[in-house]
C-alpha atoms as a PDB file:
ATOM      1  CA  MET A   1      -4.360  -2.531 -22.788  1.00  0.00           C
ATOM      2  CA  LYS A   2      -7.432  -1.830 -20.647  1.00  0.00           C
ATOM      3  CA  THR A   3      -9.076   1.588 -20.585  1.00  0.00           C
ATOM      4  CA  VAL A   4      -8.620   3.969 -17.663  1.00  0.00           C
ATOM      5  CA  LYS A   5     -12.233   3.299 -16.646  1.00  0.00           C
ATOM      6  CA  GLU A   6     -11.736  -0.465 -16.672  1.00  0.00           C
ATOM      7  CA  SER A   7      -8.439  -0.198 -14.803  1.00  0.00           C
ATOM      8  CA  LEU A   8      -9.894   1.931 -12.018  1.00  0.00           C
ATOM      9  CA  LEU A   9     -13.432   0.590 -11.631  1.00  0.00           C
ATOM     10  CA  GLU A  10     -12.845  -3.140 -12.187  1.00  0.00           C
ATOM     11  CA  ARG A  11      -9.785  -3.500  -9.931  1.00  0.00           C
ATOM     12  CA  THR A  12      -9.838  -6.346  -7.422  1.00  0.00           C
ATOM     13  CA  SER A  13      -7.205  -7.705  -5.030  1.00  0.00           C
ATOM     14  CA  VAL A  14      -5.654 -10.817  -6.596  1.00  0.00           C
ATOM     15  CA  ARG A  15      -3.819 -13.303  -4.371  1.00  0.00           C
ATOM     16  CA  ARG A  16      -3.325 -16.254  -6.735  1.00  0.00           C
ATOM     17  CA  TYR A  17      -1.047 -15.976  -9.766  1.00  0.00           C
ATOM     18  CA  GLU A  18       0.141 -18.049 -12.700  1.00  0.00           C
ATOM     19  CA  ARG A  19       3.793 -19.132 -12.828  1.00  0.00           C
ATOM     20  CA  GLU A  20       4.247 -17.179 -16.049  1.00  0.00           C
ATOM     21  CA  ALA A  21       6.731 -14.313 -15.787  1.00  0.00           C
ATOM     22  CA  ILE A  22       5.646 -10.719 -16.308  1.00  0.00           C
ATOM     23  CA  PRO A  23       7.162  -9.395 -19.564  1.00  0.00           C
ATOM     24  CA  GLU A  24       9.947  -6.917 -18.935  1.00  0.00           C
ATOM     25  CA  GLU A  25       8.324  -4.322 -21.192  1.00  0.00           C
ATOM     26  CA  THR A  26       5.278  -4.466 -18.903  1.00  0.00           C
ATOM     27  CA  MET A  27       7.466  -3.912 -15.857  1.00  0.00           C
ATOM     28  CA  GLU A  28       9.150  -0.986 -17.596  1.00  0.00           C
ATOM     29  CA  PHE A  29       5.726   0.540 -18.232  1.00  0.00           C
ATOM     30  CA  ILE A  30       4.882   0.160 -14.535  1.00  0.00           C
ATOM     31  CA  PHE A  31       8.221   1.693 -13.495  1.00  0.00           C
ATOM     32  CA  GLU A  32       7.681   4.664 -15.806  1.00  0.00           C
ATOM     33  CA  ALA A  33       4.207   5.170 -14.335  1.00  0.00           C
ATOM     34  CA  ILE A  34       5.766   5.131 -10.869  1.00  0.00           C
ATOM     35  CA  ARG A  35       8.458   7.578 -11.950  1.00  0.00           C
ATOM     36  CA  ASN A  36       5.843  10.072 -13.197  1.00  0.00           C
ATOM     37  CA  THR A  37       3.951  10.093  -9.880  1.00  0.00           C
ATOM     38  CA  PRO A  38       3.106  13.562  -8.509  1.00  0.00           C
ATOM     39  CA  THR A  39       4.949  14.170  -5.226  1.00  0.00           C
ATOM     40  CA  SER A  40       5.227  16.915  -2.616  1.00  0.00           C
ATOM     41  CA  TYR A  41       7.445  19.733  -3.938  1.00  0.00           C
ATOM     42  CA  ASN A  42       8.599  17.268  -6.637  1.00  0.00           C
ATOM     43  CA  GLY A  43      10.833  16.072  -3.800  1.00  0.00           C
ATOM     44  CA  GLN A  44      10.110  12.432  -4.734  1.00  0.00           C
ATOM     45  CA  GLN A  45      10.431  11.313  -1.120  1.00  0.00           C
ATOM     46  CA  PHE A  46       9.998   7.648  -2.005  1.00  0.00           C
ATOM     47  CA  SER A  47      11.792   4.673  -3.524  1.00  0.00           C
ATOM     48  CA  VAL A  48      10.765   1.201  -4.664  1.00  0.00           C
ATOM     49  CA  ILE A  49      12.466  -2.158  -4.207  1.00  0.00           C
ATOM     50  CA  ASP A  50      11.659  -4.588  -7.037  1.00  0.00           C
ATOM     51  CA  ILE A  51      11.921  -8.169  -5.744  1.00  0.00           C
ATOM     52  CA  ASP A  52      12.126 -11.159  -8.059  1.00  0.00           C
ATOM     53  CA  ASP A  53      14.342 -13.265  -5.760  1.00  0.00           C
ATOM     54  CA  GLN A  54      12.150 -16.219  -4.766  1.00  0.00           C
ATOM     55  CA  ALA A  55      14.120 -16.939  -1.591  1.00  0.00           C
ATOM     56  CA  LEU A  56      13.619 -13.363  -0.373  1.00  0.00           C
ATOM     57  CA  LYS A  57       9.922 -13.464  -1.250  1.00  0.00           C
ATOM     58  CA  GLU A  58       9.565 -16.656   0.773  1.00  0.00           C
ATOM     59  CA  GLU A  59      11.352 -15.123   3.772  1.00  0.00           C
ATOM     60  CA  LEU A  60       8.858 -12.265   3.696  1.00  0.00           C
ATOM     61  CA  TYR A  61       6.048 -14.810   3.366  1.00  0.00           C
ATOM     62  CA  MET A  62       7.308 -16.652   6.454  1.00  0.00           C
ATOM     63  CA  LEU A  63       7.086 -13.401   8.418  1.00  0.00           C
ATOM     64  CA  THR A  64       3.605 -12.433   7.252  1.00  0.00           C
ATOM     65  CA  ASN A  65       1.892 -15.692   6.218  1.00  0.00           C
ATOM     66  CA  GLN A  66       0.591 -13.751   3.194  1.00  0.00           C
ATOM     67  CA  LYS A  67       0.697 -16.360   0.415  1.00  0.00           C
ATOM     68  CA  GLN A  68       0.649 -13.768  -2.370  1.00  0.00           C
ATOM     69  CA  LEU A  69       4.166 -12.700  -1.380  1.00  0.00           C
ATOM     70  CA  LYS A  70       5.637 -16.034  -2.455  1.00  0.00           C
ATOM     71  CA  THR A  71       3.331 -16.794  -5.393  1.00  0.00           C
ATOM     72  CA  CYS A  72       3.557 -13.399  -7.123  1.00  0.00           C
ATOM     73  CA  ASN A  73       6.035 -12.984  -9.949  1.00  0.00           C
ATOM     74  CA  ARG A  74       7.259  -9.576  -8.754  1.00  0.00           C
ATOM     75  CA  LEU A  75       6.973  -7.911  -5.383  1.00  0.00           C
ATOM     76  CA  LEU A  76       7.369  -4.142  -5.205  1.00  0.00           C
ATOM     77  CA  ILE A  77       8.120  -2.568  -1.817  1.00  0.00           C
ATOM     78  CA  PHE A  78       7.239   1.135  -1.608  1.00  0.00           C
ATOM     79  CA  LEU A  79       9.376   3.140   0.782  1.00  0.00           C
ATOM     80  CA  SER A  80       9.387   6.574   2.356  1.00  0.00           C
ATOM     81  CA  ASP A  81      12.900   7.770   1.517  1.00  0.00           C
ATOM     82  CA  TYR A  82      14.866  10.755   2.795  1.00  0.00           C
ATOM     83  CA  ASN A  83      18.195   8.994   2.353  1.00  0.00           C
ATOM     84  CA  LYS A  84      18.630  10.091  -1.261  1.00  0.00           C
ATOM     85  CA  ILE A  85      18.289  13.815  -0.622  1.00  0.00           C
ATOM     86  CA  SER A  86      20.533  13.510   2.454  1.00  0.00           C
ATOM     87  CA  LEU A  87      23.290  11.901   0.368  1.00  0.00           C
ATOM     88  CA  LEU A  88      23.316  14.690  -2.200  1.00  0.00           C
ATOM     89  CA  ALA A  89      23.021  17.409   0.456  1.00  0.00           C
ATOM     90  CA  GLU A  90      26.076  15.991   2.208  1.00  0.00           C
ATOM     91  CA  LYS A  91      28.008  15.869  -1.058  1.00  0.00           C
ATOM     92  CA  LYS A  92      27.182  19.535  -1.720  1.00  0.00           C
ATOM     93  CA  GLY A  93      27.834  20.646   1.844  1.00  0.00           C
ATOM     94  CA  LEU A  94      24.221  21.545   2.540  1.00  0.00           C
ATOM     95  CA  GLU A  95      22.602  21.245   5.950  1.00  0.00           C
ATOM     96  CA  VAL A  96      19.554  18.983   6.115  1.00  0.00           C
ATOM     97  CA  PRO A  97      16.793  20.377   8.370  1.00  0.00           C
ATOM     98  CA  PRO A  98      15.401  17.824  10.891  1.00  0.00           C
ATOM     99  CA  PHE A  99      12.264  17.468   8.755  1.00  0.00           C
ATOM    100  CA  THR A 100      11.963  13.750   9.525  1.00  0.00           C
ATOM    101  CA  ASN A 101      11.449  14.667  13.178  1.00  0.00           C
ATOM    102  CA  THR A 102       8.086  16.226  12.295  1.00  0.00           C
ATOM    103  CA  MET A 103       4.741  14.584  11.557  1.00  0.00           C
ATOM    104  CA  ASP A 104       4.631  16.511   8.277  1.00  0.00           C
ATOM    105  CA  GLY A 105       7.938  14.968   7.230  1.00  0.00           C
ATOM    106  CA  VAL A 106       6.703  11.465   8.046  1.00  0.00           C
ATOM    107  CA  THR A 107       3.356  12.118   6.355  1.00  0.00           C
ATOM    108  CA  ILE A 108       4.877  13.453   3.140  1.00  0.00           C
ATOM    109  CA  GLY A 109       7.039  10.366   2.671  1.00  0.00           C
ATOM    110  CA  ILE A 110       4.027   8.121   3.232  1.00  0.00           C
ATOM    111  CA  ILE A 111       1.869  10.138   0.824  1.00  0.00           C
ATOM    112  CA  ASP A 112       4.529  10.111  -1.908  1.00  0.00           C
ATOM    113  CA  ALA A 113       5.064   6.356  -1.585  1.00  0.00           C
ATOM    114  CA  SER A 114       1.300   5.714  -1.534  1.00  0.00           C
ATOM    115  CA  LEU A 115       0.710   7.803  -4.650  1.00  0.00           C
ATOM    116  CA  ALA A 116       3.524   5.918  -6.379  1.00  0.00           C
ATOM    117  CA  MET A 117       1.948   2.611  -5.423  1.00  0.00           C
ATOM    118  CA  MET A 118      -1.397   3.680  -6.855  1.00  0.00           C
ATOM    119  CA  SER A 119       0.351   4.638 -10.093  1.00  0.00           C
ATOM    120  CA  ALA A 120       1.751   1.101 -10.165  1.00  0.00           C
ATOM    121  CA  VAL A 121      -1.638  -0.463  -9.402  1.00  0.00           C
ATOM    122  CA  VAL A 122      -3.364   1.390 -12.248  1.00  0.00           C
ATOM    123  CA  ALA A 123      -0.550   0.616 -14.705  1.00  0.00           C
ATOM    124  CA  ALA A 124      -0.593  -3.059 -13.698  1.00  0.00           C
ATOM    125  CA  GLN A 125      -4.373  -3.262 -14.099  1.00  0.00           C
ATOM    126  CA  ALA A 126      -4.176  -1.586 -17.499  1.00  0.00           C
ATOM    127  CA  ALA A 127      -1.603  -4.162 -18.580  1.00  0.00           C
ATOM    128  CA  GLY A 128      -3.851  -7.050 -17.528  1.00  0.00           C
ATOM    129  CA  LEU A 129      -1.941  -8.004 -14.383  1.00  0.00           C
ATOM    130  CA  GLY A 130      -3.329  -8.897 -10.987  1.00  0.00           C
ATOM    131  CA  SER A 131      -2.149  -6.960  -7.951  1.00  0.00           C
ATOM    132  CA  ASN A 132      -2.476  -6.993  -4.191  1.00  0.00           C
ATOM    133  CA  CYS A 133      -1.419  -4.297  -1.714  1.00  0.00           C
ATOM    134  CA  VAL A 134       0.193  -5.802   1.393  1.00  0.00           C
ATOM    135  CA  GLY A 135       0.268  -3.319   4.256  1.00  0.00           C
ATOM    136  CA  TYR A 136       1.248  -6.019   6.760  1.00  0.00           C
ATOM    137  CA  LEU A 137       4.835  -5.754   5.509  1.00  0.00           C
ATOM    138  CA  ARG A 138       4.933  -2.368   7.258  1.00  0.00           C
ATOM    139  CA  THR A 139       3.873  -3.678  10.662  1.00  0.00           C
ATOM    140  CA  VAL A 140       4.617  -7.401  11.038  1.00  0.00           C
ATOM    141  CA  ASP A 141       8.269  -7.034  12.101  1.00  0.00           C
ATOM    142  CA  PRO A 142       9.603  -3.679  10.886  1.00  0.00           C
ATOM    143  CA  LYS A 143      13.148  -4.234  12.146  1.00  0.00           C
ATOM    144  CA  ARG A 144      13.502  -7.652  10.480  1.00  0.00           C
ATOM    145  CA  VAL A 145      11.991  -6.426   7.212  1.00  0.00           C
ATOM    146  CA  ALA A 146      14.414  -3.476   7.245  1.00  0.00           C
ATOM    147  CA  GLU A 147      17.305  -5.907   7.756  1.00  0.00           C
ATOM    148  CA  LEU A 148      16.187  -8.144   4.899  1.00  0.00           C
ATOM    149  CA  LEU A 149      15.827  -5.158   2.561  1.00  0.00           C
ATOM    150  CA  LYS A 150      19.016  -3.467   3.839  1.00  0.00           C
ATOM    151  CA  LEU A 151      17.233  -0.167   4.458  1.00  0.00           C
ATOM    152  CA  PRO A 152      19.475   2.777   5.438  1.00  0.00           C
ATOM    153  CA  LYS A 153      18.542   5.496   7.921  1.00  0.00           C
ATOM    154  CA  GLY A 154      15.820   7.778   6.634  1.00  0.00           C
ATOM    155  CA  VAL A 155      13.982   4.934   4.860  1.00  0.00           C
ATOM    156  CA  PHE A 156      11.035   2.800   5.990  1.00  0.00           C
ATOM    157  CA  VAL A 157       8.450   0.501   4.405  1.00  0.00           C
ATOM    158  CA  VAL A 158       5.065   1.990   3.565  1.00  0.00           C
ATOM    159  CA  CYS A 159       3.450  -0.905   1.689  1.00  0.00           C
ATOM    160  CA  GLY A 160       4.146  -3.889  -0.545  1.00  0.00           C
ATOM    161  CA  LEU A 161       2.539  -4.621  -3.916  1.00  0.00           C
ATOM    162  CA  ALA A 162       2.341  -8.174  -5.257  1.00  0.00           C
ATOM    163  CA  LEU A 163       2.116  -8.444  -9.058  1.00  0.00           C
ATOM    164  CA  GLY A 164       1.518 -11.354 -11.404  1.00  0.00           C
ATOM    165  CA  ILE A 165      -0.551 -12.931 -14.145  1.00  0.00           C
ATOM    166  CA  PRO A 166      -3.890 -13.505 -12.371  1.00  0.00           C
ATOM    167  CA  ARG A 167      -5.070 -17.067 -11.731  1.00  0.00           C
ATOM    168  CA  GLU A 168      -8.332 -15.864 -10.206  1.00  0.00           C
ATOM    169  CA  GLN A 169     -10.891 -13.120 -10.681  1.00  0.00           C
ATOM    170  CA  PRO A 170     -12.233 -12.227  -7.232  1.00  0.00           C
ATOM    171  CA  ASP A 171     -15.613 -10.626  -6.740  1.00  0.00           C
ATOM    172  CA  LEU A 172     -15.588  -6.838  -6.665  1.00  0.00           C
ATOM    173  CA  LYS A 173     -15.791  -5.720  -3.021  1.00  0.00           C
ATOM    174  CA  PRO A 174     -18.551  -3.258  -2.149  1.00  0.00           C
ATOM    175  CA  LYS A 175     -17.265   0.213  -1.295  1.00  0.00           C
ATOM    176  CA  GLN A 176     -18.939   2.974   0.650  1.00  0.00           C
ATOM    177  CA  PRO A 177     -21.555   4.870  -1.377  1.00  0.00           C
ATOM    178  CA  LEU A 178     -20.626   8.266  -2.748  1.00  0.00           C
ATOM    179  CA  SER A 179     -23.200   9.802  -0.405  1.00  0.00           C
ATOM    180  CA  VAL A 180     -20.895   9.115   2.579  1.00  0.00           C
ATOM    181  CA  MET A 181     -17.560   9.358   0.806  1.00  0.00           C
ATOM    182  CA  VAL A 182     -17.867  12.592  -1.179  1.00  0.00           C
ATOM    183  CA  HIS A 183     -18.917  15.693   0.781  1.00  0.00           C
ATOM    184  CA  LYS A 184     -19.989  18.923  -0.911  1.00  0.00           C
ATOM    185  CA  ASN A 185     -18.149  22.142   0.080  1.00  0.00           C
ATOM    186  CA  CYS A 186     -17.845  21.032   3.731  1.00  0.00           C
ATOM    187  CA  TYR A 187     -18.090  17.846   5.787  1.00  0.00           C
ATOM    188  CA  ASN A 188     -21.659  16.509   6.012  1.00  0.00           C
ATOM    189  CA  GLN A 189     -23.192  17.923   9.219  1.00  0.00           C
ATOM    190  CA  ASP A 190     -26.191  15.540   9.203  1.00  0.00           C
ATOM    191  CA  SER A 191     -24.733  12.828  11.445  1.00  0.00           C
ATOM    192  CA  ALA A 192     -28.021  10.912  11.637  1.00  0.00           C
ATOM    193  CA  ALA A 193     -28.306  10.609   7.842  1.00  0.00           C
ATOM    194  CA  LEU A 194     -24.629   9.719   7.589  1.00  0.00           C
ATOM    195  CA  THR A 195     -25.010   6.995  10.213  1.00  0.00           C
ATOM    196  CA  GLU A 196     -28.077   5.597   8.470  1.00  0.00           C
ATOM    197  CA  GLU A 197     -26.198   5.322   5.177  1.00  0.00           C
ATOM    198  CA  LEU A 198     -23.278   3.647   6.961  1.00  0.00           C
ATOM    199  CA  GLU A 199     -25.634   1.131   8.576  1.00  0.00           C
ATOM    200  CA  LYS A 200     -26.942   0.198   5.138  1.00  0.00           C
ATOM    201  CA  TYR A 201     -23.399  -0.181   3.860  1.00  0.00           C
ATOM    202  CA  ASP A 202     -22.526  -2.358   6.867  1.00  0.00           C
ATOM    203  CA  GLU A 203     -25.309  -4.762   5.850  1.00  0.00           C
ATOM    204  CA  VAL A 204     -24.131  -4.766   2.223  1.00  0.00           C
ATOM    205  CA  VAL A 205     -20.632  -5.779   3.338  1.00  0.00           C
ATOM    206  CA  LYS A 206     -22.015  -8.509   5.594  1.00  0.00           C
ATOM    207  CA  HIS A 207     -24.093  -9.941   2.739  1.00  0.00           C
ATOM    208  CA  TYR A 208     -21.082  -9.797   0.416  1.00  0.00           C
ATOM    209  CA  ASN A 209     -18.920 -11.693   2.903  1.00  0.00           C
ATOM    210  CA  GLN A 210     -21.613 -14.336   3.364  1.00  0.00           C
ATOM    211  CA  THR A 211     -22.072 -14.950  -0.362  1.00  0.00           C
ATOM    212  CA  ARG A 212     -18.758 -14.154  -2.081  1.00  0.00           C
ATOM    213  CA  ALA A 213     -16.808 -16.718  -4.052  1.00  0.00           C
ATOM    214  CA  GLY A 214     -13.599 -18.142  -2.631  1.00  0.00           C
ATOM    215  CA  GLY A 215     -14.430 -18.306   1.077  1.00  0.00           C
ATOM    216  CA  THR A 216     -17.221 -16.766   3.144  1.00  0.00           C
ATOM    217  CA  SER A 217     -17.534 -15.219   6.613  1.00  0.00           C
ATOM    218  CA  ASP A 218     -20.034 -13.395   8.798  1.00  0.00           C
ATOM    219  CA  ASN A 219     -17.897 -10.257   8.999  1.00  0.00           C
ATOM    220  CA  ASP A 220     -19.647  -6.930   8.758  1.00  0.00           C
ATOM    221  CA  TRP A 221     -17.717  -3.714   8.070  1.00  0.00           C
ATOM    222  CA  VAL A 222     -17.626  -1.762  11.327  1.00  0.00           C
ATOM    223  CA  ALA A 223     -16.862  -4.519  13.866  1.00  0.00           C
ATOM    224  CA  HIS A 224     -14.319  -6.130  11.542  1.00  0.00           C
ATOM    225  CA  ILE A 225     -12.414  -2.878  11.029  1.00  0.00           C
ATOM    226  CA  LEU A 226     -12.540  -1.970  14.724  1.00  0.00           C
ATOM    227  CA  ASN A 227     -11.083  -5.388  15.490  1.00  0.00           C
ATOM    228  CA  TYR A 228      -8.204  -4.517  13.173  1.00  0.00           C
ATOM    229  CA  TYR A 229      -7.717  -1.204  14.987  1.00  0.00           C
ATOM    230  CA  ASP A 230      -7.634  -3.051  18.311  1.00  0.00           C
ATOM    231  CA  HIS A 231      -5.013  -5.484  17.036  1.00  0.00           C
ATOM    232  CA  ALA A 232      -2.979  -2.668  15.493  1.00  0.00           C
ATOM    233  CA  MET A 233      -2.705  -0.980  18.900  1.00  0.00           C
ATOM    234  CA  GLU A 234       0.019  -3.550  19.646  1.00  0.00           C
ATOM    235  CA  TYR A 235       2.280  -2.260  16.870  1.00  0.00           C
ATOM    236  CA  ARG A 236       5.280  -0.202  17.977  1.00  0.00           C
ATOM    237  CA  ILE A 237       5.864   1.724  14.784  1.00  0.00           C
ATOM    238  CA  LEU A 238       7.091   4.886  16.505  1.00  0.00           C
ATOM    239  CA  ASP A 239       9.935   2.926  18.145  1.00  0.00           C
ATOM    240  CA  TYR A 240      10.903   1.502  14.755  1.00  0.00           C
ATOM    241  CA  LEU A 241      10.779   4.920  13.090  1.00  0.00           C
ATOM    242  CA  LYS A 242      13.200   6.241  15.707  1.00  0.00           C
ATOM    243  CA  GLU A 243      15.601   3.420  14.829  1.00  0.00           C
ATOM    244  CA  GLN A 244      15.364   4.509  11.196  1.00  0.00           C
ATOM    245  CA  GLY A 245      16.191   8.126  12.055  1.00  0.00           C
ATOM    246  CA  TYR A 246      12.682   9.579  12.432  1.00  0.00           C
ATOM    247  CA  ASP A 247      12.546  11.120  15.931  1.00  0.00           C
ATOM    248  CA  VAL A 248       9.078  12.652  15.681  1.00  0.00           C
ATOM    249  CA  LYS A 249       8.583  15.550  18.060  1.00  0.00           C
ATOM    250  CA  ARG A 250       5.941  17.772  16.454  1.00  0.00           C
END
């Protein structure tokens, strides 16, 4: 078992896996880590779908063209979930406030599911597994993914997590320096200094992409991410959320 420091600071996104199955005791450890995730109000507004069905993994791969979805041994789908509390409330004759029609309600489900996924990532790393977070499962075709996963009202996909015995050890991606990520007591008011540090980081990312193992590019950080934002403007997530029972009004 790796140390906490190793698990957190040496994590990389692994997309190629061995055919070897993950031991069930390892999966149980990951599930227990997920179960102990801190959540808003201890409401546990999330659920996880554990996929080991190869045919289903390949259907999701066909939608996304993300090869790790079909080569991983296990695929965990993290969900925002208000269905569970609604079921029990109905059984007990309790009225459910329209919380899912608020941004706070949507945000809380996303936060809970994201925290649970990070618990899984750290547990998987500690156990020597490779992992890869696949956000594209949320946006590629939300309605079709919901159909494949048989999601009820009040539930939507937040992110997928591919797990497996790693066949590769990718280079560690450069992250923003602490000087621009961690602010002291209030947000850094020195925009010029902040911009200068970000420019330096932009060059670090460009150099990394030009020299990394396993495929190179000329991508920098800022233009590459803005291109993603531009592409993501085409997503119609709000329409999908309404279909799943989230009619956000405030």
